[in-house]
């Protein structure tokens, strides 16, 4: 709400027309995207005031609507979309970006699990990072870390706990038709940008990727 109030004052001071929606539960942002975008055919800016979870819902809700232009004001615990794709460091910079029509197309990843199709714009992870994200999302401590503006520390806290208990597994990876059998895998991340897990940098190492 602090981020939104700041943004709202800036929009009002510049007489920028806008409409605001508040999400009530998980999945609401996705439904709002479909509802809004199905009612218009012209370019529509949809700006999240939240984190990567909100952006993920918005991306999934925007599939099939090429006139959607999506951005974010960083107000979550991870904010990897803002950090790695949008590349803005403040509310002022983000709003200026949207008002200047400085947008471009980006690839969206597609996946299927348990017979259900989904999409992602940041990264798709399997292994310990997926367990960390799942536990962080359900942890009651997350809101307190966010409250003191240290949201990404929840991921580090859970990582330290998981590194003792997690058991690596075998995975089969198929890349351009070539099969790779990997043993004792901690995690695999398919990334669309350079960050995941609340700011962890992904480095390229030969034909593979590694986190540091």
C-alpha atoms as a PDB file:
ATOM      1  CA  UNK A   1       0.000   0.000   0.000  1.00  0.00           C
ATOM      2  CA  UNK A   2       2.914   2.360   0.664  1.00  0.00           C
ATOM      3  CA  UNK A   3       4.217   1.821  -2.865  1.00  0.00           C
ATOM      4  CA  UNK A   4       0.760   2.286  -4.359  1.00  0.00           C
ATOM      5  CA  UNK A   5       0.054   5.488  -2.388  1.00  0.00           C
ATOM      6  CA  UNK A   6       3.320   6.956  -3.643  1.00  0.00           C
ATOM      7  CA  UNK A   7       2.523   5.961  -7.230  1.00  0.00           C
ATOM      8  CA  UNK A   8      -1.034   7.288  -6.960  1.00  0.00           C
ATOM      9  CA  UNK A   9       0.173  10.734  -5.883  1.00  0.00           C
ATOM     10  CA  UNK A  10       2.530  10.839  -8.874  1.00  0.00           C
ATOM     11  CA  UNK A  11      -0.224   9.807 -11.298  1.00  0.00           C
ATOM     12  CA  UNK A  12      -2.607  12.389  -9.881  1.00  0.00           C
ATOM     13  CA  UNK A  13       0.013  15.164  -9.986  1.00  0.00           C
ATOM     14  CA  UNK A  14       0.515  14.517 -13.700  1.00  0.00           C
ATOM     15  CA  UNK A  15      -3.220  14.040 -14.403  1.00  0.00           C
ATOM     16  CA  UNK A  16      -2.622  10.507 -15.737  1.00  0.00           C
ATOM     17  CA  UNK A  17      -5.934   8.621 -16.075  1.00  0.00           C
ATOM     18  CA  UNK A  18      -5.995   5.217 -14.402  1.00  0.00           C
ATOM     19  CA  UNK A  19      -8.257   2.613 -12.854  1.00  0.00           C
ATOM     20  CA  UNK A  20      -7.204   0.614  -9.791  1.00  0.00           C
ATOM     21  CA  UNK A  21      -8.132  -2.929  -8.773  1.00  0.00           C
ATOM     22  CA  UNK A  22      -7.282  -4.641  -5.487  1.00  0.00           C
ATOM     23  CA  UNK A  23      -6.804  -8.415  -5.513  1.00  0.00           C
ATOM     24  CA  UNK A  24      -8.579 -10.406  -2.822  1.00  0.00           C
ATOM     25  CA  UNK A  25      -6.956 -13.847  -3.042  1.00  0.00           C
ATOM     26  CA  UNK A  26      -4.576 -16.010  -5.047  1.00  0.00           C
ATOM     27  CA  UNK A  27      -5.716 -16.250  -8.659  1.00  0.00           C
ATOM     28  CA  UNK A  28      -7.684 -12.996  -8.575  1.00  0.00           C
ATOM     29  CA  UNK A  29      -5.101 -11.078 -10.649  1.00  0.00           C
ATOM     30  CA  UNK A  30      -5.316 -13.735 -13.367  1.00  0.00           C
ATOM     31  CA  UNK A  31      -9.106 -13.466 -13.500  1.00  0.00           C
ATOM     32  CA  UNK A  32      -8.979  -9.662 -13.545  1.00  0.00           C
ATOM     33  CA  UNK A  33      -6.578  -9.713 -16.511  1.00  0.00           C
ATOM     34  CA  UNK A  34      -8.855 -11.947 -18.561  1.00  0.00           C
ATOM     35  CA  UNK A  35     -11.930  -9.894 -17.684  1.00  0.00           C
ATOM     36  CA  UNK A  36     -10.345  -6.530 -18.492  1.00  0.00           C
ATOM     37  CA  UNK A  37      -8.491  -7.553 -21.648  1.00  0.00           C
ATOM     38  CA  UNK A  38     -11.458  -9.386 -23.131  1.00  0.00           C
ATOM     39  CA  UNK A  39     -13.371  -6.109 -22.983  1.00  0.00           C
ATOM     40  CA  UNK A  40     -10.923  -4.085 -25.074  1.00  0.00           C
ATOM     41  CA  UNK A  41      -8.931  -4.436 -28.290  1.00  0.00           C
ATOM     42  CA  UNK A  42      -6.588  -1.452 -27.990  1.00  0.00           C
ATOM     43  CA  UNK A  43      -3.206  -1.407 -26.236  1.00  0.00           C
ATOM     44  CA  UNK A  44      -3.862  -1.664 -22.507  1.00  0.00           C
ATOM     45  CA  UNK A  45      -1.231  -1.015 -19.841  1.00  0.00           C
ATOM     46  CA  UNK A  46      -1.584  -3.345 -16.873  1.00  0.00           C
ATOM     47  CA  UNK A  47       0.745  -2.419 -14.012  1.00  0.00           C
ATOM     48  CA  UNK A  48       1.218  -4.672 -10.996  1.00  0.00           C
ATOM     49  CA  UNK A  49       1.902  -3.229  -7.569  1.00  0.00           C
ATOM     50  CA  UNK A  50       3.370  -6.400  -6.111  1.00  0.00           C
ATOM     51  CA  UNK A  51       6.041  -8.997  -6.725  1.00  0.00           C
ATOM     52  CA  UNK A  52       6.815 -11.891  -9.039  1.00  0.00           C
ATOM     53  CA  UNK A  53       3.746 -13.867  -7.952  1.00  0.00           C
ATOM     54  CA  UNK A  54       1.459 -11.071  -9.098  1.00  0.00           C
ATOM     55  CA  UNK A  55       3.332 -10.731 -12.379  1.00  0.00           C
ATOM     56  CA  UNK A  56       3.089 -14.494 -12.937  1.00  0.00           C
ATOM     57  CA  UNK A  57      -0.693 -14.381 -12.556  1.00  0.00           C
ATOM     58  CA  UNK A  58      -0.920 -11.401 -14.884  1.00  0.00           C
ATOM     59  CA  UNK A  59       1.195 -13.095 -17.559  1.00  0.00           C
ATOM     60  CA  UNK A  60      -0.986 -16.204 -17.425  1.00  0.00           C
ATOM     61  CA  UNK A  61      -4.112 -14.058 -17.612  1.00  0.00           C
ATOM     62  CA  UNK A  62      -2.773 -12.111 -20.609  1.00  0.00           C
ATOM     63  CA  UNK A  63      -2.116 -15.164 -22.800  1.00  0.00           C
ATOM     64  CA  UNK A  64      -4.125 -14.758 -25.993  1.00  0.00           C
ATOM     65  CA  UNK A  65      -4.376 -10.964 -25.649  1.00  0.00           C
ATOM     66  CA  UNK A  66      -1.548  -9.407 -27.725  1.00  0.00           C
ATOM     67  CA  UNK A  67      -2.684  -5.881 -26.815  1.00  0.00           C
ATOM     68  CA  UNK A  68      -1.647  -6.343 -23.155  1.00  0.00           C
ATOM     69  CA  UNK A  69       1.340  -4.275 -22.011  1.00  0.00           C
ATOM     70  CA  UNK A  70       2.524  -5.477 -18.597  1.00  0.00           C
ATOM     71  CA  UNK A  71       4.792  -3.784 -16.092  1.00  0.00           C
ATOM     72  CA  UNK A  72       5.383  -3.688 -12.362  1.00  0.00           C
ATOM     73  CA  UNK A  73       6.037  -1.430  -9.407  1.00  0.00           C
ATOM     74  CA  UNK A  74       8.261  -3.499  -7.106  1.00  0.00           C
ATOM     75  CA  UNK A  75       6.351  -4.264  -3.900  1.00  0.00           C
ATOM     76  CA  UNK A  76       6.993  -7.971  -3.360  1.00  0.00           C
ATOM     77  CA  UNK A  77       9.583 -10.128  -1.655  1.00  0.00           C
ATOM     78  CA  UNK A  78      11.480 -11.152  -4.799  1.00  0.00           C
ATOM     79  CA  UNK A  79      10.928  -8.552  -7.546  1.00  0.00           C
ATOM     80  CA  UNK A  80      13.078 -10.448 -10.064  1.00  0.00           C
ATOM     81  CA  UNK A  81      10.885  -9.275 -12.962  1.00  0.00           C
ATOM     82  CA  UNK A  82      11.610  -5.642 -12.144  1.00  0.00           C
ATOM     83  CA  UNK A  83      15.269  -6.383 -11.495  1.00  0.00           C
ATOM     84  CA  UNK A  84      16.036  -8.544 -14.528  1.00  0.00           C
ATOM     85  CA  UNK A  85      13.502  -7.690 -17.240  1.00  0.00           C
ATOM     86  CA  UNK A  86      12.065  -4.256 -16.573  1.00  0.00           C
ATOM     87  CA  UNK A  87      15.354  -2.939 -15.130  1.00  0.00           C
ATOM     88  CA  UNK A  88      13.889  -0.071 -13.109  1.00  0.00           C
ATOM     89  CA  UNK A  89      15.070   0.915  -9.640  1.00  0.00           C
ATOM     90  CA  UNK A  90      12.322   3.206  -8.378  1.00  0.00           C
ATOM     91  CA  UNK A  91       8.607   3.957  -8.661  1.00  0.00           C
ATOM     92  CA  UNK A  92       9.445   7.182 -10.510  1.00  0.00           C
ATOM     93  CA  UNK A  93      11.577   5.369 -13.082  1.00  0.00           C
ATOM     94  CA  UNK A  94       8.969   2.647 -13.600  1.00  0.00           C
ATOM     95  CA  UNK A  95       6.095   5.083 -14.127  1.00  0.00           C
ATOM     96  CA  UNK A  96       8.198   7.147 -16.533  1.00  0.00           C
ATOM     97  CA  UNK A  97       8.940   3.989 -18.486  1.00  0.00           C
ATOM     98  CA  UNK A  98       5.236   3.206 -18.868  1.00  0.00           C
ATOM     99  CA  UNK A  99       4.332   6.769 -19.821  1.00  0.00           C
ATOM    100  CA  UNK A 100       7.107   6.958 -22.427  1.00  0.00           C
ATOM    101  CA  UNK A 101       5.766   3.872 -24.252  1.00  0.00           C
ATOM    102  CA  UNK A 102       9.181   2.253 -23.748  1.00  0.00           C
ATOM    103  CA  UNK A 103       7.978  -1.330 -24.078  1.00  0.00           C
ATOM    104  CA  UNK A 104       9.223  -4.309 -26.088  1.00  0.00           C
ATOM    105  CA  UNK A 105       8.231  -7.926 -26.761  1.00  0.00           C
ATOM    106  CA  UNK A 106       9.680 -10.747 -24.673  1.00  0.00           C
ATOM    107  CA  UNK A 107       9.566 -14.533 -24.962  1.00  0.00           C
ATOM    108  CA  UNK A 108       7.184 -16.338 -22.626  1.00  0.00           C
ATOM    109  CA  UNK A 109       7.922 -19.879 -21.462  1.00  0.00           C
ATOM    110  CA  UNK A 110       5.319 -22.641 -21.513  1.00  0.00           C
ATOM    111  CA  UNK A 111       5.168 -25.739 -19.309  1.00  0.00           C
ATOM    112  CA  UNK A 112       2.838 -28.610 -18.492  1.00  0.00           C
ATOM    113  CA  UNK A 113       2.517 -30.355 -15.135  1.00  0.00           C
ATOM    114  CA  UNK A 114      -0.121 -32.813 -13.976  1.00  0.00           C
ATOM    115  CA  UNK A 115      -1.941 -32.293 -17.262  1.00  0.00           C
ATOM    116  CA  UNK A 116      -2.259 -28.527 -16.778  1.00  0.00           C
ATOM    117  CA  UNK A 117      -0.612 -25.913 -19.022  1.00  0.00           C
ATOM    118  CA  UNK A 118       1.029 -22.812 -17.603  1.00  0.00           C
ATOM    119  CA  UNK A 119       3.290 -19.940 -18.644  1.00  0.00           C
ATOM    120  CA  UNK A 120       6.191 -18.035 -17.107  1.00  0.00           C
ATOM    121  CA  UNK A 121       8.203 -14.922 -17.911  1.00  0.00           C
ATOM    122  CA  UNK A 122      10.906 -14.994 -15.207  1.00  0.00           C
ATOM    123  CA  UNK A 123      12.069 -18.564 -14.667  1.00  0.00           C
ATOM    124  CA  UNK A 124      10.897 -22.121 -14.169  1.00  0.00           C
ATOM    125  CA  UNK A 125      12.637 -24.092 -11.440  1.00  0.00           C
ATOM    126  CA  UNK A 126      12.701 -27.741 -10.401  1.00  0.00           C
ATOM    127  CA  UNK A 127      14.372 -29.084  -7.290  1.00  0.00           C
ATOM    128  CA  UNK A 128      15.461 -27.296  -4.141  1.00  0.00           C
ATOM    129  CA  UNK A 129      14.633 -23.835  -5.485  1.00  0.00           C
ATOM    130  CA  UNK A 130      11.033 -24.915  -6.150  1.00  0.00           C
ATOM    131  CA  UNK A 131      10.758 -26.251  -2.592  1.00  0.00           C
ATOM    132  CA  UNK A 132      12.197 -23.004  -1.217  1.00  0.00           C
ATOM    133  CA  UNK A 133       9.733 -20.889  -3.226  1.00  0.00           C
ATOM    134  CA  UNK A 134       6.808 -23.073  -2.173  1.00  0.00           C
ATOM    135  CA  UNK A 135       7.689 -22.878   1.520  1.00  0.00           C
ATOM    136  CA  UNK A 136       8.385 -19.134   1.331  1.00  0.00           C
ATOM    137  CA  UNK A 137       4.967 -18.554  -0.222  1.00  0.00           C
ATOM    138  CA  UNK A 138       3.256 -20.452   2.616  1.00  0.00           C
ATOM    139  CA  UNK A 139       5.423 -19.122   5.439  1.00  0.00           C
ATOM    140  CA  UNK A 140       3.744 -16.702   7.895  1.00  0.00           C
ATOM    141  CA  UNK A 141       7.147 -15.032   8.280  1.00  0.00           C
ATOM    142  CA  UNK A 142       7.045 -13.733   4.716  1.00  0.00           C
ATOM    143  CA  UNK A 143       4.791 -10.789   5.530  1.00  0.00           C
ATOM    144  CA  UNK A 144       7.080  -9.741   8.396  1.00  0.00           C
ATOM    145  CA  UNK A 145      10.164  -9.849   6.179  1.00  0.00           C
ATOM    146  CA  UNK A 146       8.252  -7.754   3.630  1.00  0.00           C
ATOM    147  CA  UNK A 147       7.133  -5.336   6.353  1.00  0.00           C
ATOM    148  CA  UNK A 148      10.753  -4.468   7.198  1.00  0.00           C
ATOM    149  CA  UNK A 149      11.652  -4.352   3.483  1.00  0.00           C
ATOM    150  CA  UNK A 150      13.804  -7.469   3.708  1.00  0.00           C
ATOM    151  CA  UNK A 151      11.524  -9.778   1.752  1.00  0.00           C
ATOM    152  CA  UNK A 152      14.254 -11.623  -0.138  1.00  0.00           C
ATOM    153  CA  UNK A 153      15.838 -12.741   3.149  1.00  0.00           C
ATOM    154  CA  UNK A 154      12.994 -15.240   3.604  1.00  0.00           C
ATOM    155  CA  UNK A 155      14.448 -17.186   0.663  1.00  0.00           C
ATOM    156  CA  UNK A 156      17.915 -17.195   2.246  1.00  0.00           C
ATOM    157  CA  UNK A 157      16.481 -18.260   5.599  1.00  0.00           C
ATOM    158  CA  UNK A 158      14.639 -21.232   4.072  1.00  0.00           C
ATOM    159  CA  UNK A 159      17.610 -22.125   1.846  1.00  0.00           C
ATOM    160  CA  UNK A 160      19.844 -22.536   4.901  1.00  0.00           C
ATOM    161  CA  UNK A 161      17.265 -24.881   6.393  1.00  0.00           C
ATOM    162  CA  UNK A 162      16.704 -26.853   3.173  1.00  0.00           C
ATOM    163  CA  UNK A 163      20.383 -27.337   2.372  1.00  0.00           C
ATOM    164  CA  UNK A 164      20.602 -29.675   5.382  1.00  0.00           C
ATOM    165  CA  UNK A 165      17.458 -31.707   4.657  1.00  0.00           C
ATOM    166  CA  UNK A 166      17.093 -31.703   0.841  1.00  0.00           C
ATOM    167  CA  UNK A 167      17.931 -34.936  -1.004  1.00  0.00           C
ATOM    168  CA  UNK A 168      19.183 -34.466  -4.600  1.00  0.00           C
ATOM    169  CA  UNK A 169      17.475 -36.591  -7.262  1.00  0.00           C
ATOM    170  CA  UNK A 170      18.035 -37.846 -10.805  1.00  0.00           C
ATOM    171  CA  UNK A 171      16.539 -35.896 -13.703  1.00  0.00           C
ATOM    172  CA  UNK A 172      16.330 -36.385 -17.437  1.00  0.00           C
ATOM    173  CA  UNK A 173      16.734 -33.230 -19.499  1.00  0.00           C
ATOM    174  CA  UNK A 174      16.027 -33.056 -23.237  1.00  0.00           C
ATOM    175  CA  UNK A 175      17.514 -30.063 -25.059  1.00  0.00           C
ATOM    176  CA  UNK A 176      16.958 -29.777 -28.820  1.00  0.00           C
ATOM    177  CA  UNK A 177      16.356 -33.516 -28.997  1.00  0.00           C
ATOM    178  CA  UNK A 178      19.489 -34.478 -27.040  1.00  0.00           C
ATOM    179  CA  UNK A 179      18.888 -36.433 -23.813  1.00  0.00           C
ATOM    180  CA  UNK A 180      20.926 -35.754 -20.694  1.00  0.00           C
ATOM    181  CA  UNK A 181      20.646 -37.996 -17.636  1.00  0.00           C
ATOM    182  CA  UNK A 182      21.703 -35.970 -14.611  1.00  0.00           C
ATOM    183  CA  UNK A 183      22.504 -37.556 -11.259  1.00  0.00           C
ATOM    184  CA  UNK A 184      22.254 -35.971  -7.835  1.00  0.00           C
ATOM    185  CA  UNK A 185      20.605 -32.822  -9.156  1.00  0.00           C
ATOM    186  CA  UNK A 186      19.971 -30.026  -6.673  1.00  0.00           C
ATOM    187  CA  UNK A 187      17.952 -27.924  -9.080  1.00  0.00           C
ATOM    188  CA  UNK A 188      17.395 -27.001 -12.717  1.00  0.00           C
ATOM    189  CA  UNK A 189      16.317 -23.490 -13.674  1.00  0.00           C
ATOM    190  CA  UNK A 190      15.084 -22.418 -17.100  1.00  0.00           C
ATOM    191  CA  UNK A 191      15.490 -18.662 -17.032  1.00  0.00           C
ATOM    192  CA  UNK A 192      14.330 -15.811 -19.223  1.00  0.00           C
ATOM    193  CA  UNK A 193      16.541 -13.288 -17.423  1.00  0.00           C
ATOM    194  CA  UNK A 194      19.503 -13.147 -15.058  1.00  0.00           C
ATOM    195  CA  UNK A 195      17.891 -13.395 -11.616  1.00  0.00           C
ATOM    196  CA  UNK A 196      15.799 -15.803  -9.583  1.00  0.00           C
ATOM    197  CA  UNK A 197      14.968 -16.500  -5.943  1.00  0.00           C
ATOM    198  CA  UNK A 198      14.794 -12.863  -4.908  1.00  0.00           C
ATOM    199  CA  UNK A 199      17.935 -11.513  -6.582  1.00  0.00           C
ATOM    200  CA  UNK A 200      20.266 -14.496  -6.946  1.00  0.00           C
ATOM    201  CA  UNK A 201      22.416 -13.941 -10.034  1.00  0.00           C
ATOM    202  CA  UNK A 202      22.599 -16.687 -12.669  1.00  0.00           C
ATOM    203  CA  UNK A 203      25.944 -16.996 -14.428  1.00  0.00           C
ATOM    204  CA  UNK A 204      26.614 -18.744 -17.719  1.00  0.00           C
ATOM    205  CA  UNK A 205      29.136 -21.565 -17.494  1.00  0.00           C
ATOM    206  CA  UNK A 206      29.909 -23.206 -20.850  1.00  0.00           C
ATOM    207  CA  UNK A 207      26.600 -24.567 -22.166  1.00  0.00           C
ATOM    208  CA  UNK A 208      25.019 -24.734 -18.700  1.00  0.00           C
ATOM    209  CA  UNK A 209      23.924 -22.161 -16.175  1.00  0.00           C
ATOM    210  CA  UNK A 210      25.020 -21.830 -12.582  1.00  0.00           C
ATOM    211  CA  UNK A 211      23.810 -19.681  -9.702  1.00  0.00           C
ATOM    212  CA  UNK A 212      26.108 -17.560  -7.594  1.00  0.00           C
END
